[in-house]
Amino acid sequence: MKKRNKHYLKEKEFIRLKKALEENNTAQFNLGWVELDNPIFIGYNAYLEPRPDIQNRDDAWVFWTICQNLGTVSFAKKIEYFDWEKRKSKSFIQYDKPRICAIDESTYLSIDTQIRKWFTNEIEFSDKEYDRWRKWGKSYYCKIPNFFFEIKYEKVFRTRVKIFDSVLKQEEAEIEDILYSKFYYENRRYSNAPKYFRKNLNRRQRYKSKQKLHSVIYNGKDPDFEDNYKGANWLWW
């Protein structure tokens, strides 16, 4: 019987370690959570809410629904971090202001008509920019004036903690140490870009290729096409 070469044995060991790491992570995930008797305060949430005068309107439920389902929430450990006017600096983290998210076309068609009228797909871009944006699919933006809402703050508490197993954690560290030392090139994270990432790059590449083809046909320029997958792994990393 022909003896397997060293590359085959190394590959088998690499697969075994990856499987062992996956099983270890699954075991840690399945440990579950423990509810705390006394919740621990961890910070503040900032969120949007209709102003008191807006809440008195007959269609106030529309604005409540938009805030609760499409409004973003910002978290910070200290309430003074929500200083929206303070500029970014090395000693200060700039937190995003709560806002109303854009929605895709399927969501737009599924919501109530009274809510739908407050969203639009018209954007203030040039025709060329609009064509580039439109190829990703329609998005609808909220056109409600900002003064309809006000920012509210609430305390956030941790009510449960993840169960920790020191034996599993030590085993995970030992496996990762071998993978990142002995199997560095096989295990490097940027070796394979995900399928969705490659598909997005391919869409952009097709758009660029059409532009270049147009230049070749109408302007007589020399073609300079690129491989669709060129740079995918590097960009993902």
C-alpha atoms as a PDB file:
ATOM      1  CA  MET A   1       0.000   0.000   0.000  1.00  0.00           C
ATOM      2  CA  LYS A   2       1.317   3.432  -0.969  1.00  0.00           C
ATOM      3  CA  LYS A   3       2.310   5.592   1.972  1.00  0.00           C
ATOM      4  CA  ARG A   4       0.533   8.913   2.327  1.00  0.00           C
ATOM      5  CA  ASN A   5       2.746  11.979   2.040  1.00  0.00           C
ATOM      6  CA  LYS A   6       3.295  14.475   4.835  1.00  0.00           C
ATOM      7  CA  HIS A   7       0.945  17.034   3.257  1.00  0.00           C
ATOM      8  CA  TYR A   8      -1.964  14.603   3.468  1.00  0.00           C
ATOM      9  CA  LEU A   9      -1.279  13.878   7.158  1.00  0.00           C
ATOM     10  CA  LYS A  10      -0.974  17.573   7.943  1.00  0.00           C
ATOM     11  CA  GLU A  11      -4.256  18.304   6.203  1.00  0.00           C
ATOM     12  CA  LYS A  12      -6.003  15.548   8.171  1.00  0.00           C
ATOM     13  CA  GLU A  13      -4.661  16.963  11.427  1.00  0.00           C
ATOM     14  CA  PHE A  14      -5.815  20.447  10.445  1.00  0.00           C
ATOM     15  CA  ILE A  15      -9.350  19.175   9.708  1.00  0.00           C
ATOM     16  CA  ARG A  16      -9.405  17.290  13.025  1.00  0.00           C
ATOM     17  CA  LEU A  17      -8.422  20.404  14.966  1.00  0.00           C
ATOM     18  CA  LYS A  18     -10.978  22.580  13.186  1.00  0.00           C
ATOM     19  CA  LYS A  19     -13.688  20.041  13.981  1.00  0.00           C
ATOM     20  CA  ALA A  20     -12.551  19.855  17.624  1.00  0.00           C
ATOM     21  CA  LEU A  21     -12.668  23.652  17.865  1.00  0.00           C
ATOM     22  CA  GLU A  22     -16.167  23.718  16.398  1.00  0.00           C
ATOM     23  CA  GLU A  23     -17.357  21.111  18.887  1.00  0.00           C
ATOM     24  CA  ASN A  24     -15.763  23.063  21.722  1.00  0.00           C
ATOM     25  CA  ASN A  25     -17.509  26.296  20.671  1.00  0.00           C
ATOM     26  CA  THR A  26     -20.831  24.450  20.403  1.00  0.00           C
ATOM     27  CA  ALA A  27     -20.368  23.004  23.903  1.00  0.00           C
ATOM     28  CA  GLN A  28     -19.640  26.474  25.332  1.00  0.00           C
ATOM     29  CA  PHE A  29     -22.659  27.932  23.554  1.00  0.00           C
ATOM     30  CA  ASN A  30     -24.929  25.230  24.966  1.00  0.00           C
ATOM     31  CA  LEU A  31     -23.880  25.919  28.561  1.00  0.00           C
ATOM     32  CA  GLY A  32     -26.715  28.423  28.739  1.00  0.00           C
ATOM     33  CA  TRP A  33     -27.288  31.445  30.963  1.00  0.00           C
ATOM     34  CA  VAL A  34     -27.933  32.149  34.641  1.00  0.00           C
ATOM     35  CA  GLU A  35     -30.492  34.745  35.715  1.00  0.00           C
ATOM     36  CA  LEU A  36     -29.133  37.283  38.211  1.00  0.00           C
ATOM     37  CA  ASP A  37     -30.947  37.906  41.469  1.00  0.00           C
ATOM     38  CA  ASN A  38     -29.808  41.540  41.396  1.00  0.00           C
ATOM     39  CA  PRO A  39     -29.505  43.040  37.883  1.00  0.00           C
ATOM     40  CA  ILE A  40     -26.272  44.925  37.201  1.00  0.00           C
ATOM     41  CA  PHE A  41     -26.422  48.450  35.777  1.00  0.00           C
ATOM     42  CA  ILE A  42     -24.299  48.658  32.594  1.00  0.00           C
ATOM     43  CA  GLY A  43     -25.222  51.940  30.885  1.00  0.00           C
ATOM     44  CA  TYR A  44     -27.854  53.913  28.983  1.00  0.00           C
ATOM     45  CA  ASN A  45     -29.845  53.568  25.778  1.00  0.00           C
ATOM     46  CA  ALA A  46     -30.786  56.583  23.684  1.00  0.00           C
ATOM     47  CA  TYR A  47     -33.866  56.171  21.480  1.00  0.00           C
ATOM     48  CA  LEU A  48     -36.492  58.198  19.601  1.00  0.00           C
ATOM     49  CA  GLU A  49     -39.999  58.994  20.760  1.00  0.00           C
ATOM     50  CA  PRO A  50     -42.689  61.291  19.284  1.00  0.00           C
ATOM     51  CA  ARG A  51     -42.857  64.715  20.912  1.00  0.00           C
ATOM     52  CA  PRO A  52     -45.753  65.304  23.355  1.00  0.00           C
ATOM     53  CA  ASP A  53     -47.646  67.490  20.861  1.00  0.00           C
ATOM     54  CA  ILE A  54     -47.189  64.851  18.133  1.00  0.00           C
ATOM     55  CA  GLN A  55     -48.573  62.228  20.516  1.00  0.00           C
ATOM     56  CA  ASN A  56     -51.828  64.221  20.650  1.00  0.00           C
ATOM     57  CA  ARG A  57     -52.420  63.837  16.914  1.00  0.00           C
ATOM     58  CA  ASP A  58     -55.048  61.426  15.616  1.00  0.00           C
ATOM     59  CA  ASP A  59     -52.369  59.514  13.714  1.00  0.00           C
ATOM     60  CA  ALA A  60     -49.934  59.396  16.644  1.00  0.00           C
ATOM     61  CA  TRP A  61     -49.858  55.595  16.396  1.00  0.00           C
ATOM     62  CA  VAL A  62     -48.062  55.950  13.045  1.00  0.00           C
ATOM     63  CA  PHE A  63     -45.123  57.766  14.602  1.00  0.00           C
ATOM     64  CA  TRP A  64     -45.047  55.401  17.573  1.00  0.00           C
ATOM     65  CA  THR A  65     -44.912  52.430  15.201  1.00  0.00           C
ATOM     66  CA  ILE A  66     -42.102  53.974  13.155  1.00  0.00           C
ATOM     67  CA  CYS A  67     -40.057  54.746  16.279  1.00  0.00           C
ATOM     68  CA  GLN A  68     -40.515  51.349  17.863  1.00  0.00           C
ATOM     69  CA  ASN A  69     -39.962  49.241  14.739  1.00  0.00           C
ATOM     70  CA  LEU A  70     -37.617  51.312  12.577  1.00  0.00           C
ATOM     71  CA  GLY A  71     -35.813  53.563  15.057  1.00  0.00           C
ATOM     72  CA  THR A  72     -32.205  52.850  16.022  1.00  0.00           C
ATOM     73  CA  VAL A  73     -30.919  52.697  19.589  1.00  0.00           C
ATOM     74  CA  SER A  74     -27.522  53.975  20.746  1.00  0.00           C
ATOM     75  CA  PHE A  75     -25.818  52.593  23.845  1.00  0.00           C
ATOM     76  CA  ALA A  76     -23.208  54.234  26.072  1.00  0.00           C
ATOM     77  CA  LYS A  77     -21.807  53.420  29.496  1.00  0.00           C
ATOM     78  CA  LYS A  78     -22.262  56.996  30.691  1.00  0.00           C
ATOM     79  CA  ILE A  79     -25.067  59.375  29.811  1.00  0.00           C
ATOM     80  CA  GLU A  80     -22.627  62.264  29.308  1.00  0.00           C
ATOM     81  CA  TYR A  81     -21.200  60.361  26.333  1.00  0.00           C
ATOM     82  CA  PHE A  82     -24.384  61.289  24.468  1.00  0.00           C
ATOM     83  CA  ASP A  83     -23.038  64.748  23.746  1.00  0.00           C
ATOM     84  CA  TRP A  84     -24.180  64.988  20.147  1.00  0.00           C
ATOM     85  CA  GLU A  85     -22.579  68.373  19.584  1.00  0.00           C
ATOM     86  CA  LYS A  86     -19.112  67.384  20.778  1.00  0.00           C
ATOM     87  CA  ARG A  87     -16.705  66.693  17.961  1.00  0.00           C
ATOM     88  CA  LYS A  88     -14.736  63.506  17.556  1.00  0.00           C
ATOM     89  CA  SER A  89     -11.431  63.396  19.381  1.00  0.00           C
ATOM     90  CA  LYS A  90      -8.944  60.805  20.580  1.00  0.00           C
ATOM     91  CA  SER A  91     -10.342  61.019  24.099  1.00  0.00           C
ATOM     92  CA  PHE A  92     -14.021  60.962  23.126  1.00  0.00           C
ATOM     93  CA  ILE A  93     -16.097  58.324  21.352  1.00  0.00           C
ATOM     94  CA  GLN A  94     -18.670  59.763  18.964  1.00  0.00           C
ATOM     95  CA  TYR A  95     -21.944  57.854  19.329  1.00  0.00           C
ATOM     96  CA  ASP A  96     -24.488  57.826  16.525  1.00  0.00           C
ATOM     97  CA  LYS A  97     -27.672  59.757  17.060  1.00  0.00           C
ATOM     98  CA  PRO A  98     -30.840  57.649  17.090  1.00  0.00           C
ATOM     99  CA  ARG A  99     -32.510  57.808  13.680  1.00  0.00           C
ATOM    100  CA  ILE A 100     -35.164  56.160  11.521  1.00  0.00           C
ATOM    101  CA  CYS A 101     -33.746  53.385   9.334  1.00  0.00           C
ATOM    102  CA  ALA A 102     -34.266  53.089   5.604  1.00  0.00           C
ATOM    103  CA  ILE A 103     -36.321  50.098   4.478  1.00  0.00           C
ATOM    104  CA  ASP A 104     -36.198  47.868   1.417  1.00  0.00           C
ATOM    105  CA  GLU A 105     -39.002  47.497  -1.099  1.00  0.00           C
ATOM    106  CA  SER A 106     -40.468  44.309   0.391  1.00  0.00           C
ATOM    107  CA  THR A 107     -40.769  45.971   3.806  1.00  0.00           C
ATOM    108  CA  TYR A 108     -42.214  49.089   2.223  1.00  0.00           C
ATOM    109  CA  LEU A 109     -44.970  47.098   0.502  1.00  0.00           C
ATOM    110  CA  SER A 110     -45.802  45.163   3.682  1.00  0.00           C
ATOM    111  CA  ILE A 111     -46.395  48.124   6.005  1.00  0.00           C
ATOM    112  CA  ASP A 112     -49.629  50.028   6.523  1.00  0.00           C
ATOM    113  CA  THR A 113     -50.557  52.649   3.926  1.00  0.00           C
ATOM    114  CA  GLN A 114     -50.575  55.449   6.511  1.00  0.00           C
ATOM    115  CA  ILE A 115     -47.011  54.548   7.474  1.00  0.00           C
ATOM    116  CA  ARG A 116     -45.938  54.092   3.862  1.00  0.00           C
ATOM    117  CA  LYS A 117     -46.764  57.679   2.931  1.00  0.00           C
ATOM    118  CA  TRP A 118     -43.987  58.889   5.243  1.00  0.00           C
ATOM    119  CA  PHE A 119     -41.323  57.076   3.184  1.00  0.00           C
ATOM    120  CA  THR A 120     -39.917  57.910  -0.226  1.00  0.00           C
ATOM    121  CA  ASN A 121     -37.356  56.463  -2.621  1.00  0.00           C
ATOM    122  CA  GLU A 122     -36.464  59.851  -4.086  1.00  0.00           C
ATOM    123  CA  ILE A 123     -32.892  60.840  -3.297  1.00  0.00           C
ATOM    124  CA  GLU A 124     -30.904  63.967  -4.044  1.00  0.00           C
ATOM    125  CA  PHE A 125     -28.207  62.335  -6.198  1.00  0.00           C
ATOM    126  CA  SER A 126     -27.123  62.939  -9.764  1.00  0.00           C
ATOM    127  CA  ASP A 127     -28.437  60.575 -12.448  1.00  0.00           C
ATOM    128  CA  LYS A 128     -25.103  58.738 -12.614  1.00  0.00           C
ATOM    129  CA  GLU A 129     -24.954  58.255  -8.839  1.00  0.00           C
ATOM    130  CA  TYR A 130     -28.608  57.216  -8.779  1.00  0.00           C
ATOM    131  CA  ASP A 131     -28.007  54.492 -11.395  1.00  0.00           C
ATOM    132  CA  ARG A 132     -25.125  53.137  -9.321  1.00  0.00           C
ATOM    133  CA  TRP A 133     -27.214  53.208  -6.136  1.00  0.00           C
ATOM    134  CA  ARG A 134     -30.332  51.730  -7.794  1.00  0.00           C
ATOM    135  CA  LYS A 135     -28.599  48.523  -8.917  1.00  0.00           C
ATOM    136  CA  TRP A 136     -28.464  47.378  -5.287  1.00  0.00           C
ATOM    137  CA  GLY A 137     -32.260  47.525  -5.059  1.00  0.00           C
ATOM    138  CA  LYS A 138     -34.749  50.171  -4.017  1.00  0.00           C
ATOM    139  CA  SER A 139     -34.529  51.741  -0.582  1.00  0.00           C
ATOM    140  CA  TYR A 140     -37.124  53.996   0.991  1.00  0.00           C
ATOM    141  CA  TYR A 141     -36.150  56.790   3.350  1.00  0.00           C
ATOM    142  CA  CYS A 142     -38.184  58.383   6.099  1.00  0.00           C
ATOM    143  CA  LYS A 143     -39.234  61.947   5.253  1.00  0.00           C
ATOM    144  CA  ILE A 144     -40.671  62.863   8.660  1.00  0.00           C
ATOM    145  CA  PRO A 145     -39.103  66.114   9.909  1.00  0.00           C
ATOM    146  CA  ASN A 146     -36.598  65.576  12.713  1.00  0.00           C
ATOM    147  CA  PHE A 147     -38.483  67.907  15.056  1.00  0.00           C
ATOM    148  CA  PHE A 148     -41.352  65.399  15.193  1.00  0.00           C
ATOM    149  CA  PHE A 149     -39.190  63.292  17.507  1.00  0.00           C
ATOM    150  CA  GLU A 150     -37.196  63.783  20.661  1.00  0.00           C
ATOM    151  CA  ILE A 151     -34.399  61.701  22.139  1.00  0.00           C
ATOM    152  CA  LYS A 152     -35.162  59.792  25.318  1.00  0.00           C
ATOM    153  CA  TYR A 153     -32.812  57.919  27.626  1.00  0.00           C
ATOM    154  CA  GLU A 154     -33.266  54.781  29.708  1.00  0.00           C
ATOM    155  CA  LYS A 155     -31.054  52.769  32.035  1.00  0.00           C
ATOM    156  CA  VAL A 156     -29.877  49.346  30.875  1.00  0.00           C
ATOM    157  CA  PHE A 157     -29.319  46.429  33.243  1.00  0.00           C
ATOM    158  CA  ARG A 158     -27.692  43.038  32.740  1.00  0.00           C
ATOM    159  CA  THR A 159     -30.195  40.475  33.976  1.00  0.00           C
ATOM    160  CA  ARG A 160     -28.288  37.279  33.145  1.00  0.00           C
ATOM    161  CA  VAL A 161     -24.734  36.038  32.631  1.00  0.00           C
ATOM    162  CA  LYS A 162     -23.251  33.313  30.434  1.00  0.00           C
ATOM    163  CA  ILE A 163     -22.158  30.137  32.202  1.00  0.00           C
ATOM    164  CA  PHE A 164     -18.364  29.836  32.042  1.00  0.00           C
ATOM    165  CA  ASP A 165     -16.416  26.565  31.922  1.00  0.00           C
ATOM    166  CA  SER A 166     -12.688  26.984  32.534  1.00  0.00           C
ATOM    167  CA  VAL A 167     -11.858  23.505  31.163  1.00  0.00           C
ATOM    168  CA  LEU A 168     -13.574  24.193  27.817  1.00  0.00           C
ATOM    169  CA  LYS A 169     -11.985  27.648  27.655  1.00  0.00           C
ATOM    170  CA  GLN A 170      -8.525  26.185  28.244  1.00  0.00           C
ATOM    171  CA  GLU A 171      -9.136  23.532  25.594  1.00  0.00           C
ATOM    172  CA  GLU A 172     -10.218  26.233  23.123  1.00  0.00           C
ATOM    173  CA  ALA A 173      -7.044  28.242  23.820  1.00  0.00           C
ATOM    174  CA  GLU A 174      -4.819  25.199  23.275  1.00  0.00           C
ATOM    175  CA  ILE A 175      -6.472  24.295  19.959  1.00  0.00           C
ATOM    176  CA  GLU A 176      -6.303  27.885  18.682  1.00  0.00           C
ATOM    177  CA  ASP A 177      -2.638  28.108  19.688  1.00  0.00           C
ATOM    178  CA  ILE A 178      -1.833  25.101  17.487  1.00  0.00           C
ATOM    179  CA  LEU A 179      -3.952  26.387  14.583  1.00  0.00           C
ATOM    180  CA  TYR A 180      -2.359  29.834  14.582  1.00  0.00           C
ATOM    181  CA  SER A 181       1.191  28.540  14.961  1.00  0.00           C
ATOM    182  CA  LYS A 182       1.480  25.220  13.130  1.00  0.00           C
ATOM    183  CA  PHE A 183      -1.311  25.874  10.596  1.00  0.00           C
ATOM    184  CA  TYR A 184      -1.016  29.624  10.117  1.00  0.00           C
ATOM    185  CA  TYR A 185      -1.314  29.660   6.320  1.00  0.00           C
ATOM    186  CA  GLU A 186      -4.135  27.106   6.304  1.00  0.00           C
ATOM    187  CA  ASN A 187      -6.074  28.889   9.018  1.00  0.00           C
ATOM    188  CA  ARG A 188      -5.608  32.544   8.081  1.00  0.00           C
ATOM    189  CA  ARG A 189      -8.982  34.223   8.023  1.00  0.00           C
ATOM    190  CA  TYR A 190      -8.529  36.067   4.751  1.00  0.00           C
ATOM    191  CA  SER A 191      -7.814  32.887   2.730  1.00  0.00           C
ATOM    192  CA  ASN A 192     -11.409  32.560   1.562  1.00  0.00           C
ATOM    193  CA  ALA A 193     -13.821  35.450   1.198  1.00  0.00           C
ATOM    194  CA  PRO A 194     -17.501  34.597   1.846  1.00  0.00           C
ATOM    195  CA  LYS A 195     -19.777  33.985  -1.118  1.00  0.00           C
ATOM    196  CA  TYR A 196     -21.942  37.070  -0.496  1.00  0.00           C
ATOM    197  CA  PHE A 197     -18.830  39.266  -0.403  1.00  0.00           C
ATOM    198  CA  ARG A 198     -17.629  37.902  -3.743  1.00  0.00           C
ATOM    199  CA  LYS A 199     -21.091  38.376  -5.259  1.00  0.00           C
ATOM    200  CA  ASN A 200     -21.099  42.047  -4.238  1.00  0.00           C
ATOM    201  CA  LEU A 201     -17.664  42.534  -5.765  1.00  0.00           C
ATOM    202  CA  ASN A 202     -18.811  40.816  -8.941  1.00  0.00           C
ATOM    203  CA  ARG A 203     -21.768  43.192  -9.243  1.00  0.00           C
ATOM    204  CA  ARG A 204     -19.425  46.142  -9.032  1.00  0.00           C
ATOM    205  CA  GLN A 205     -17.043  44.518 -11.495  1.00  0.00           C
ATOM    206  CA  ARG A 206     -19.813  43.882 -14.024  1.00  0.00           C
ATOM    207  CA  TYR A 207     -20.843  47.519 -13.758  1.00  0.00           C
ATOM    208  CA  LYS A 208     -17.249  48.639 -14.376  1.00  0.00           C
ATOM    209  CA  SER A 209     -16.898  46.187 -17.273  1.00  0.00           C
ATOM    210  CA  LYS A 210     -19.995  47.613 -18.964  1.00  0.00           C
ATOM    211  CA  GLN A 211     -18.566  51.110 -18.633  1.00  0.00           C
ATOM    212  CA  LYS A 212     -15.252  50.010 -20.154  1.00  0.00           C
ATOM    213  CA  LEU A 213     -17.032  48.151 -22.955  1.00  0.00           C
ATOM    214  CA  HIS A 214     -19.003  51.327 -23.716  1.00  0.00           C
ATOM    215  CA  SER A 215     -15.696  53.243 -23.939  1.00  0.00           C
ATOM    216  CA  VAL A 216     -14.270  50.625 -26.291  1.00  0.00           C
ATOM    217  CA  ILE A 217     -17.286  50.697 -28.630  1.00  0.00           C
ATOM    218  CA  TYR A 218     -17.945  54.442 -28.732  1.00  0.00           C
ATOM    219  CA  ASN A 219     -14.586  56.024 -27.896  1.00  0.00           C
ATOM    220  CA  GLY A 220     -12.179  53.491 -29.372  1.00  0.00           C
ATOM    221  CA  LYS A 221     -10.226  53.079 -26.129  1.00  0.00           C
ATOM    222  CA  ASP A 222      -8.159  49.963 -25.451  1.00  0.00           C
ATOM    223  CA  PRO A 223      -9.984  47.458 -23.220  1.00  0.00           C
ATOM    224  CA  ASP A 224      -8.604  46.908 -19.730  1.00  0.00           C
ATOM    225  CA  PHE A 225     -10.779  44.333 -18.011  1.00  0.00           C
ATOM    226  CA  GLU A 226     -10.098  42.724 -14.644  1.00  0.00           C
ATOM    227  CA  ASP A 227     -10.864  39.338 -13.129  1.00  0.00           C
ATOM    228  CA  ASN A 228     -14.113  39.364 -11.138  1.00  0.00           C
ATOM    229  CA  TYR A 229     -12.461  37.720  -8.134  1.00  0.00           C
ATOM    230  CA  LYS A 230      -9.327  39.836  -8.189  1.00  0.00           C
ATOM    231  CA  GLY A 231      -8.614  41.157  -4.718  1.00  0.00           C
ATOM    232  CA  ALA A 232     -11.610  39.507  -3.026  1.00  0.00           C
ATOM    233  CA  ASN A 233      -9.555  37.687  -0.392  1.00  0.00           C
ATOM    234  CA  TRP A 234      -7.368  40.701   0.266  1.00  0.00           C
ATOM    235  CA  LEU A 235     -10.313  43.082   0.601  1.00  0.00           C
ATOM    236  CA  TRP A 236     -12.137  40.686   2.924  1.00  0.00           C
ATOM    237  CA  TRP A 237      -9.091  40.441   5.162  1.00  0.00           C
END
